[in-house]
Amino acid sequence: MKANGFTLIEVIVASAILMSVITTIVPIISTLNKEQQRLSDRRIIVHTLHDEMQPFLWSATSETSSKFTKNVNDQQVAFQFANEDHYLKGCAIWQNVKYAEETICLYGIHAS
């Protein structure tokens, strides 16, 4: 009798191990991709918030209050600017890839 191949049990055990590895790695990769996208969106929105704050910081008037929305990186982002004491507070509000609302605020001092 010649034994030139794998037995059925060996094939089933190998398949079970392979499926276990796949079902563990695929969700991890999916989570990593979502987190990468979330951090990338956050970075782009913070840079856009900084750029949108500049005209308010350099304007001659110190009374500033403004709200508007803008499409940033294929997302609707609401920008809000308001004076708080001697600072200008600029906030960006959007819905991230995990469908949670995220808010980031920056503060600046008006140019004199």
Protein backbone atom coordinates (compact mmCIF):
# COMPACT_ATOMS: atom_id res chain seq x y z
CA MET A 1 0.00 0.00 0.00
CA LYS A 2 1.35 3.43 -1.05
CA ALA A 3 0.62 6.63 0.91
CA ASN A 4 1.29 9.50 -1.49
CA GLY A 5 -1.10 12.15 -0.16
CA PHE A 6 -2.81 13.69 2.82
CA THR A 7 -5.52 11.92 4.72
CA LEU A 8 -8.96 13.44 5.05
CA ILE A 9 -8.32 14.27 8.72
CA GLU A 10 -5.12 16.17 7.89
CA VAL A 11 -6.93 18.22 5.25
CA ILE A 12 -9.78 19.06 7.66
CA VAL A 13 -7.35 20.10 10.44
CA ALA A 14 -5.31 22.25 8.05
CA SER A 15 -8.48 23.88 6.70
CA ALA A 16 -9.71 24.60 10.23
CA ILE A 17 -6.41 26.25 11.16
CA LEU A 18 -6.44 28.32 7.96
CA MET A 19 -10.03 29.47 8.55
CA SER A 20 -9.19 30.41 12.16
CA VAL A 21 -6.31 32.57 10.99
CA ILE A 22 -8.42 34.23 8.30
CA THR A 23 -11.33 34.97 10.64
CA THR A 24 -8.89 36.57 13.08
CA ILE A 25 -6.89 38.67 10.62
CA VAL A 26 -9.68 40.07 8.41
CA PRO A 27 -11.46 42.03 11.22
CA ILE A 28 -8.11 43.36 12.44
CA ILE A 29 -7.25 44.65 8.97
CA SER A 30 -10.70 46.21 8.62
CA THR A 31 -10.33 48.00 11.97
CA LEU A 32 -6.87 49.25 11.04
CA ASN A 33 -8.15 50.63 7.72
CA LYS A 34 -11.00 52.50 9.47
CA GLU A 35 -8.63 53.97 12.05
CA GLN A 36 -6.20 55.01 9.32
CA GLN A 37 -9.02 56.75 7.44
CA ARG A 38 -10.26 58.42 10.64
CA LEU A 39 -6.81 59.80 11.47
CA SER A 40 -6.27 60.94 7.88
CA ASP A 41 -9.63 62.76 7.85
CA ARG A 42 -8.88 64.35 11.22
CA ARG A 43 -5.50 65.63 9.98
CA ILE A 44 -6.99 67.11 6.80
CA ILE A 45 -9.86 68.75 8.70
CA VAL A 46 -7.51 70.30 11.27
CA HIS A 47 -5.41 71.79 8.47
CA THR A 48 -8.56 73.12 6.79
CA LEU A 49 -9.79 74.58 10.10
CA HIS A 50 -6.46 76.33 10.53
CA ASP A 51 -6.67 77.78 7.02
CA GLU A 52 -10.29 78.90 7.53
CA MET A 53 -9.35 80.65 10.81
CA GLN A 54 -6.71 82.88 9.25
CA PRO A 55 -9.02 85.54 7.72
CA PHE A 56 -10.85 85.88 11.06
CA LEU A 57 -7.58 86.23 12.97
CA TRP A 58 -6.15 88.85 10.61
CA SER A 59 -9.33 90.93 10.25
CA ALA A 60 -9.50 94.35 11.87
CA THR A 61 -12.74 93.66 13.73
CA SER A 62 -12.59 91.74 16.98
CA GLU A 63 -16.29 90.84 16.96
CA THR A 64 -16.43 87.60 15.02
CA SER A 65 -19.11 84.95 14.95
CA SER A 66 -19.61 82.74 11.96
CA LYS A 67 -21.01 79.33 11.03
CA PHE A 68 -20.78 77.58 7.69
CA THR A 69 -20.37 74.14 6.18
CA LYS A 70 -17.82 73.03 3.67
CA ASN A 71 -17.11 69.79 1.84
CA VAL A 72 -13.70 68.53 2.98
CA ASN A 73 -12.35 65.22 1.71
CA ASP A 74 -15.86 64.15 0.57
CA GLN A 75 -17.37 64.93 4.00
CA GLN A 76 -19.67 67.69 5.17
CA VAL A 77 -17.83 69.63 7.87
CA ALA A 78 -19.48 72.39 9.92
CA PHE A 79 -17.15 75.21 10.91
CA GLN A 80 -17.97 77.56 13.80
CA PHE A 81 -15.99 80.60 14.84
CA ALA A 82 -16.65 82.67 17.95
CA ASN A 83 -14.78 85.00 20.29
CA GLU A 84 -14.02 83.73 23.79
CA ASP A 85 -12.36 86.35 26.00
CA HIS A 86 -9.30 87.49 24.02
CA TYR A 87 -9.19 84.41 21.80
CA LEU A 88 -10.88 83.27 18.64
CA LYS A 89 -12.25 79.74 18.96
CA GLY A 90 -12.68 77.79 15.74
CA CYS A 91 -14.36 74.38 15.77
CA ALA A 92 -14.91 71.76 13.08
CA ILE A 93 -17.71 69.21 13.50
CA TRP A 94 -18.18 66.16 11.27
CA GLN A 95 -19.25 62.53 11.23
CA ASN A 96 -16.29 60.15 11.09
CA VAL A 97 -16.05 56.75 9.36
CA LYS A 98 -17.41 55.06 12.49
CA TYR A 99 -20.54 57.26 12.19
CA ALA A 100 -19.72 59.12 15.41
CA GLU A 101 -19.75 62.90 15.61
CA GLU A 102 -16.29 64.33 16.08
CA THR A 103 -15.34 67.87 17.10
CA ILE A 104 -11.95 69.56 17.01
CA CYS A 105 -11.36 73.12 18.19
CA LEU A 106 -8.41 75.45 17.73
CA TYR A 107 -7.77 78.76 19.48
CA GLY A 108 -6.04 81.81 18.07
CA ILE A 109 -5.18 85.37 19.09
CA HIS A 110 -6.31 88.27 16.92
CA ALA A 111 -3.53 90.16 15.17
CA SER A 112 -3.06 93.69 16.46
